[in-house]
Each structure stands twice: as C-alpha cells, then as structure tokens.
Amino acid sequence: METKQESLGAVKEKRFQLFSNGPCEDILDDTMLDSSAVRISTLERDSGKLTVKFGFRQACCQEFIGDYSIVNDTAVLKLEPVKDENCECFCWYSYTFIHADSAETFTGIKIEFL
C-alpha cells in the first residue's frame, strides 16, 4: 500500500490533483449500486487542463489516495484506501481529478480501485 506521503510526491511530480468534494453521503445497504462502478458526472477540457468529477460506492469511514499512468491513449487513475478502518455501512464518495499538464495527451480516462 502506498503511503500518503508517497502519493503527495507523485501528485507534485505529475502535476495533478485528486481531492474529495466533501464528506461521503450515507446510502442504504440494498441500494442498487455496484461497489466497483464509478460514475463520472463531469468531464471538462479547458486550456490544456482536464477536470473529472466522479463518484463511487464504498464502505464508510474511508479516505482515498490515487496515482495515474498513461496506458496507450488512456489515463488510468488508480484509487487506494488509506485507512484500514471499514465501518459497516456504505457511502457515496465524490472526488475530483484535475490534470494540468497540457503536454501529456490522452483521449480517455479509466478509474480503478487497488
């Protein structure tokens, strides 16, 4: 598991930001949301900057860090929990990924969990 410090180093080196849009929202256990599914709500390109807002369902009481790589022409953002604590409830998490390096080009984005 990558440490939070290592993740911050990757963020500075690769010129991207990943941050939570606020506390997670409680959802019912029987909500028909696949825990591995990520829902992208906003995808914007502006002056070489890419902004992606997305959400996903995971156990409550977690925080996530991430890193990305370019595979072919797709940016692959990999999210990883930084807490070992899992509460017995589910939350809808909302995050934003901003990529500011206009020299790196890619045509798609894929979001995965480690």
N, C-alpha and C. Protein backbone atom coordinates (compact mmCIF):
# COMPACT_ATOMS: atom_id res chain seq x y z
N MET A 1 0.84 -1.18 0.00
CA MET A 1 0.00 0.00 0.00
C MET A 1 0.89 1.24 0.00
N GLU A 2 0.59 2.17 -0.86
CA GLU A 2 1.34 3.41 -0.95
C GLU A 2 0.99 4.29 0.25
N THR A 3 2.00 4.99 0.79
CA THR A 3 1.74 5.89 1.91
C THR A 3 1.20 7.20 1.38
N LYS A 4 0.59 7.96 2.28
CA LYS A 4 0.04 9.25 1.90
C LYS A 4 1.17 10.18 1.42
N GLN A 5 2.35 10.11 2.06
CA GLN A 5 3.49 10.93 1.68
C GLN A 5 3.98 10.60 0.27
N GLU A 6 4.06 9.30 -0.07
CA GLU A 6 4.47 8.89 -1.41
C GLU A 6 3.46 9.38 -2.45
N SER A 7 2.20 9.32 -2.10
CA SER A 7 1.16 9.79 -3.01
C SER A 7 1.29 11.29 -3.27
N LEU A 8 1.59 12.07 -2.23
CA LEU A 8 1.76 13.51 -2.41
C LEU A 8 2.95 13.81 -3.30
N GLY A 9 4.00 13.00 -3.22
CA GLY A 9 5.16 13.16 -4.11
C GLY A 9 4.78 12.95 -5.55
N ALA A 10 3.97 11.93 -5.83
CA ALA A 10 3.52 11.66 -7.19
C ALA A 10 2.65 12.79 -7.71
N VAL A 11 1.82 13.35 -6.84
CA VAL A 11 0.95 14.46 -7.22
C VAL A 11 1.78 15.65 -7.69
N LYS A 12 2.81 16.00 -6.94
CA LYS A 12 3.65 17.14 -7.32
C LYS A 12 4.42 16.86 -8.60
N GLU A 13 4.98 15.68 -8.71
CA GLU A 13 5.79 15.32 -9.88
C GLU A 13 4.97 15.28 -11.16
N LYS A 14 3.77 14.75 -11.09
CA LYS A 14 2.95 14.57 -12.30
C LYS A 14 1.97 15.72 -12.56
N ARG A 15 1.97 16.71 -11.70
CA ARG A 15 1.12 17.89 -11.88
C ARG A 15 -0.37 17.55 -11.98
N PHE A 16 -0.87 16.81 -11.00
CA PHE A 16 -2.30 16.56 -10.95
C PHE A 16 -2.79 16.75 -9.53
N GLN A 17 -4.11 16.87 -9.40
CA GLN A 17 -4.74 16.99 -8.09
C GLN A 17 -5.84 15.94 -8.00
N LEU A 18 -6.01 15.39 -6.81
CA LEU A 18 -7.11 14.48 -6.52
C LEU A 18 -7.61 14.86 -5.14
N PHE A 19 -8.88 15.25 -5.06
CA PHE A 19 -9.40 15.65 -3.76
C PHE A 19 -10.86 15.27 -3.61
N SER A 20 -11.26 15.12 -2.36
CA SER A 20 -12.64 14.81 -2.02
C SER A 20 -13.48 16.07 -2.15
N ASN A 21 -14.71 15.91 -2.60
CA ASN A 21 -15.62 17.04 -2.72
C ASN A 21 -16.45 17.24 -1.46
N GLY A 22 -16.08 16.59 -0.37
CA GLY A 22 -16.80 16.73 0.89
C GLY A 22 -17.02 15.37 1.52
N PRO A 23 -17.70 15.36 2.65
CA PRO A 23 -17.95 14.07 3.31
C PRO A 23 -18.83 13.16 2.45
N CYS A 24 -18.66 11.86 2.65
CA CYS A 24 -19.47 10.93 1.86
C CYS A 24 -20.92 10.98 2.31
N GLU A 25 -21.80 10.56 1.43
CA GLU A 25 -23.23 10.53 1.72
C GLU A 25 -23.64 9.11 2.05
N ASP A 26 -24.35 8.93 3.16
CA ASP A 26 -24.83 7.60 3.52
C ASP A 26 -25.79 7.08 2.45
N ILE A 27 -25.66 5.80 2.14
CA ILE A 27 -26.61 5.15 1.24
C ILE A 27 -27.02 3.83 1.87
N LEU A 28 -28.17 3.36 1.52
CA LEU A 28 -28.68 2.12 2.09
C LEU A 28 -27.90 0.92 1.59
N ASP A 29 -27.79 -0.11 2.43
CA ASP A 29 -27.07 -1.33 2.05
C ASP A 29 -27.65 -1.96 0.80
N ASP A 30 -28.96 -1.85 0.62
CA ASP A 30 -29.60 -2.51 -0.51
C ASP A 30 -29.70 -1.62 -1.75
N THR A 31 -29.03 -0.49 -1.72
CA THR A 31 -29.03 0.39 -2.90
C THR A 31 -28.41 -0.34 -4.07
N MET A 32 -29.04 -0.25 -5.19
CA MET A 32 -28.58 -0.99 -6.37
C MET A 32 -27.41 -0.27 -7.05
N LEU A 33 -26.33 -0.10 -6.32
CA LEU A 33 -25.13 0.49 -6.89
C LEU A 33 -24.01 -0.52 -6.75
N ASP A 34 -23.40 -0.88 -7.85
CA ASP A 34 -22.28 -1.81 -7.85
C ASP A 34 -21.10 -1.14 -7.15
N SER A 35 -20.50 -1.82 -6.18
CA SER A 35 -19.42 -1.21 -5.41
C SER A 35 -18.17 -0.96 -6.26
N SER A 36 -18.05 -1.61 -7.39
CA SER A 36 -16.88 -1.38 -8.24
C SER A 36 -17.15 -0.35 -9.33
N ALA A 37 -18.38 0.10 -9.45
CA ALA A 37 -18.74 1.04 -10.51
C ALA A 37 -18.39 2.47 -10.11
N VAL A 38 -17.83 3.20 -11.03
CA VAL A 38 -17.52 4.61 -10.85
C VAL A 38 -18.42 5.38 -11.81
N ARG A 39 -19.05 6.41 -11.31
CA ARG A 39 -19.92 7.23 -12.13
C ARG A 39 -19.25 8.59 -12.35
N ILE A 40 -18.94 8.92 -13.59
CA ILE A 40 -18.36 10.22 -13.92
C ILE A 40 -19.49 11.21 -14.14
N SER A 41 -19.47 12.30 -13.38
CA SER A 41 -20.54 13.30 -13.50
C SER A 41 -20.11 14.48 -14.36
N THR A 42 -18.81 14.79 -14.39
CA THR A 42 -18.31 15.93 -15.17
C THR A 42 -16.98 15.55 -15.80
N LEU A 43 -16.82 15.86 -17.06
CA LEU A 43 -15.55 15.67 -17.76
C LEU A 43 -15.35 16.91 -18.63
N GLU A 44 -14.39 17.77 -18.23
CA GLU A 44 -14.19 19.03 -18.95
C GLU A 44 -12.72 19.19 -19.33
N ARG A 45 -12.48 19.67 -20.55
CA ARG A 45 -11.14 20.06 -21.00
C ARG A 45 -11.18 21.55 -21.26
N ASP A 46 -10.19 22.26 -20.70
CA ASP A 46 -10.13 23.70 -20.88
C ASP A 46 -8.68 24.15 -20.82
N SER A 47 -8.17 24.71 -21.91
CA SER A 47 -6.81 25.24 -21.98
C SER A 47 -5.76 24.24 -21.48
N GLY A 48 -5.84 23.02 -21.94
CA GLY A 48 -4.86 22.01 -21.56
C GLY A 48 -5.08 21.39 -20.20
N LYS A 49 -6.15 21.74 -19.51
CA LYS A 49 -6.45 21.19 -18.20
C LYS A 49 -7.67 20.27 -18.30
N LEU A 50 -7.56 19.11 -17.69
CA LEU A 50 -8.68 18.16 -17.66
C LEU A 50 -9.23 18.10 -16.25
N THR A 51 -10.54 18.24 -16.11
CA THR A 51 -11.20 18.12 -14.81
C THR A 51 -12.24 17.01 -14.91
N VAL A 52 -12.15 16.05 -14.00
CA VAL A 52 -13.09 14.93 -13.96
C VAL A 52 -13.67 14.86 -12.55
N LYS A 53 -14.99 14.97 -12.46
CA LYS A 53 -15.68 14.78 -11.18
C LYS A 53 -16.37 13.43 -11.26
N PHE A 54 -16.19 12.62 -10.21
CA PHE A 54 -16.73 11.27 -10.23
C PHE A 54 -17.14 10.83 -8.83
N GLY A 55 -17.95 9.79 -8.79
CA GLY A 55 -18.40 9.24 -7.51
C GLY A 55 -18.38 7.73 -7.55
N PHE A 56 -18.41 7.15 -6.34
CA PHE A 56 -18.39 5.69 -6.23
C PHE A 56 -18.90 5.28 -4.85
N ARG A 57 -19.32 4.04 -4.76
CA ARG A 57 -19.84 3.46 -3.52
C ARG A 57 -18.77 2.57 -2.90
N GLN A 58 -18.48 2.83 -1.63
CA GLN A 58 -17.54 2.01 -0.86
C GLN A 58 -17.98 2.03 0.60
N ALA A 59 -17.33 1.21 1.42
CA ALA A 59 -17.62 1.18 2.85
C ALA A 59 -17.35 2.56 3.45
N CYS A 60 -18.12 2.91 4.47
CA CYS A 60 -17.94 4.19 5.15
C CYS A 60 -16.60 4.24 5.88
N CYS A 61 -16.25 5.42 6.37
CA CYS A 61 -15.06 5.67 7.20
C CYS A 61 -13.75 5.54 6.44
N GLN A 62 -13.75 5.79 5.15
CA GLN A 62 -12.52 5.66 4.38
C GLN A 62 -12.09 6.99 3.77
N GLU A 63 -10.83 7.05 3.42
CA GLU A 63 -10.26 8.13 2.61
C GLU A 63 -9.46 7.45 1.51
N PHE A 64 -9.30 8.13 0.39
CA PHE A 64 -8.61 7.53 -0.75
C PHE A 64 -7.50 8.43 -1.26
N ILE A 65 -6.42 7.81 -1.73
CA ILE A 65 -5.36 8.50 -2.45
C ILE A 65 -5.31 7.89 -3.84
N GLY A 66 -4.58 8.52 -4.73
CA GLY A 66 -4.53 7.98 -6.08
C GLY A 66 -3.30 8.40 -6.83
N ASP A 67 -3.06 7.69 -7.90
CA ASP A 67 -1.99 8.00 -8.84
C ASP A 67 -2.52 7.59 -10.21
N TYR A 68 -1.88 8.07 -11.25
CA TYR A 68 -2.34 7.71 -12.58
C TYR A 68 -1.14 7.36 -13.45
N SER A 69 -1.43 6.68 -14.52
CA SER A 69 -0.45 6.39 -15.56
C SER A 69 -1.17 6.47 -16.89
N ILE A 70 -0.39 6.64 -17.96
CA ILE A 70 -0.97 6.66 -19.30
C ILE A 70 -0.72 5.30 -19.92
N VAL A 71 -1.80 4.63 -20.31
CA VAL A 71 -1.72 3.33 -20.96
C VAL A 71 -2.35 3.50 -22.34
N ASN A 72 -1.51 3.35 -23.37
CA ASN A 72 -1.91 3.67 -24.75
C ASN A 72 -2.37 5.12 -24.78
N ASP A 73 -3.62 5.39 -25.03
CA ASP A 73 -4.09 6.77 -25.03
C ASP A 73 -5.11 7.04 -23.92
N THR A 74 -5.04 6.24 -22.85
CA THR A 74 -5.99 6.36 -21.74
C THR A 74 -5.26 6.66 -20.44
N ALA A 75 -5.76 7.64 -19.70
CA ALA A 75 -5.25 7.92 -18.35
C ALA A 75 -5.94 6.93 -17.41
N VAL A 76 -5.16 6.16 -16.68
CA VAL A 76 -5.70 5.17 -15.74
C VAL A 76 -5.42 5.70 -14.34
N LEU A 77 -6.50 6.14 -13.66
CA LEU A 77 -6.41 6.64 -12.30
C LEU A 77 -6.69 5.48 -11.35
N LYS A 78 -5.73 5.20 -10.46
CA LYS A 78 -5.88 4.09 -9.52
C LYS A 78 -6.07 4.66 -8.12
N LEU A 79 -7.20 4.31 -7.51
CA LEU A 79 -7.53 4.77 -6.17
C LEU A 79 -7.24 3.69 -5.15
N GLU A 80 -6.78 4.12 -3.99
CA GLU A 80 -6.42 3.18 -2.93
C GLU A 80 -6.86 3.76 -1.58
N PRO A 81 -7.51 2.96 -0.74
CA PRO A 81 -7.89 3.47 0.59
C PRO A 81 -6.64 3.67 1.45
N VAL A 82 -6.66 4.71 2.28
CA VAL A 82 -5.51 4.97 3.16
C VAL A 82 -5.80 4.63 4.61
N LYS A 83 -6.99 4.20 4.90
CA LYS A 83 -7.35 3.78 6.26
C LYS A 83 -7.68 2.29 6.23
N ASP A 84 -7.29 1.60 7.27
CA ASP A 84 -7.64 0.18 7.38
C ASP A 84 -9.03 -0.02 7.98
N GLU A 85 -9.63 1.08 8.41
CA GLU A 85 -10.94 1.01 9.06
C GLU A 85 -12.06 0.93 8.02
N ASN A 86 -12.93 -0.04 8.17
CA ASN A 86 -14.14 -0.15 7.36
C ASN A 86 -15.32 -0.21 8.29
N CYS A 87 -16.19 0.76 8.20
CA CYS A 87 -17.41 0.73 9.00
C CYS A 87 -18.43 -0.17 8.30
N GLU A 88 -19.44 -0.57 9.02
CA GLU A 88 -20.44 -1.49 8.46
C GLU A 88 -21.59 -0.75 7.80
N CYS A 89 -21.24 0.24 7.03
CA CYS A 89 -22.24 0.98 6.26
C CYS A 89 -21.61 1.32 4.92
N PHE A 90 -22.41 1.85 4.02
CA PHE A 90 -21.91 2.23 2.71
C PHE A 90 -22.13 3.72 2.47
N CYS A 91 -21.21 4.31 1.76
CA CYS A 91 -21.27 5.74 1.45
C CYS A 91 -21.06 5.96 -0.04
N TRP A 92 -21.58 7.08 -0.50
CA TRP A 92 -21.30 7.55 -1.85
C TRP A 92 -20.24 8.64 -1.73
N TYR A 93 -19.06 8.36 -2.28
CA TYR A 93 -17.94 9.29 -2.24
C TYR A 93 -17.91 10.09 -3.53
N SER A 94 -17.53 11.35 -3.41
CA SER A 94 -17.44 12.23 -4.57
C SER A 94 -16.04 12.86 -4.59
N TYR A 95 -15.32 12.67 -5.70
CA TYR A 95 -13.95 13.16 -5.84
C TYR A 95 -13.79 13.94 -7.13
N THR A 96 -12.73 14.75 -7.17
CA THR A 96 -12.36 15.48 -8.38
C THR A 96 -10.90 15.19 -8.70
N PHE A 97 -10.64 14.91 -9.97
CA PHE A 97 -9.29 14.69 -10.50
C PHE A 97 -9.03 15.82 -11.49
N ILE A 98 -7.92 16.55 -11.29
CA ILE A 98 -7.55 17.63 -12.20
C ILE A 98 -6.15 17.33 -12.71
N HIS A 99 -6.02 17.29 -14.03
CA HIS A 99 -4.73 17.05 -14.68
C HIS A 99 -4.36 18.33 -15.41
N ALA A 100 -3.21 18.92 -15.02
CA ALA A 100 -2.86 20.24 -15.54
C ALA A 100 -1.73 20.24 -16.56
N ASP A 101 -1.26 19.09 -16.99
CA ASP A 101 -0.12 19.04 -17.90
C ASP A 101 -0.60 18.92 -19.34
N SER A 102 -0.58 20.03 -20.06
CA SER A 102 -1.10 20.01 -21.43
C SER A 102 -0.18 19.26 -22.39
N ALA A 103 1.07 18.95 -21.96
CA ALA A 103 1.99 18.22 -22.83
C ALA A 103 1.61 16.75 -22.94
N GLU A 104 0.92 16.24 -21.93
CA GLU A 104 0.51 14.84 -21.94
C GLU A 104 -0.88 14.75 -22.54
N THR A 105 -1.02 13.97 -23.57
CA THR A 105 -2.32 13.86 -24.21
C THR A 105 -2.87 12.45 -24.06
N PHE A 106 -4.14 12.36 -23.82
CA PHE A 106 -4.84 11.10 -23.77
C PHE A 106 -6.29 11.35 -24.14
N THR A 107 -6.93 10.33 -24.65
CA THR A 107 -8.29 10.53 -25.15
C THR A 107 -9.35 9.95 -24.23
N GLY A 108 -8.95 9.16 -23.25
CA GLY A 108 -9.93 8.57 -22.34
C GLY A 108 -9.41 8.52 -20.93
N ILE A 109 -10.30 8.21 -19.99
CA ILE A 109 -9.92 8.03 -18.61
C ILE A 109 -10.61 6.81 -18.04
N LYS A 110 -9.88 6.06 -17.24
CA LYS A 110 -10.39 4.86 -16.60
C LYS A 110 -10.05 4.98 -15.12
N ILE A 111 -11.00 4.66 -14.24
CA ILE A 111 -10.78 4.78 -12.80
C ILE A 111 -10.92 3.39 -12.19
N GLU A 112 -9.87 2.99 -11.46
CA GLU A 112 -9.83 1.65 -10.86
C GLU A 112 -9.52 1.74 -9.37
N PHE A 113 -9.83 0.67 -8.65
CA PHE A 113 -9.51 0.55 -7.23
C PHE A 113 -8.44 -0.51 -7.04
N LEU A 114 -7.49 -0.24 -6.16
CA LEU A 114 -6.46 -1.23 -5.84
C LEU A 114 -6.91 -2.07 -4.66
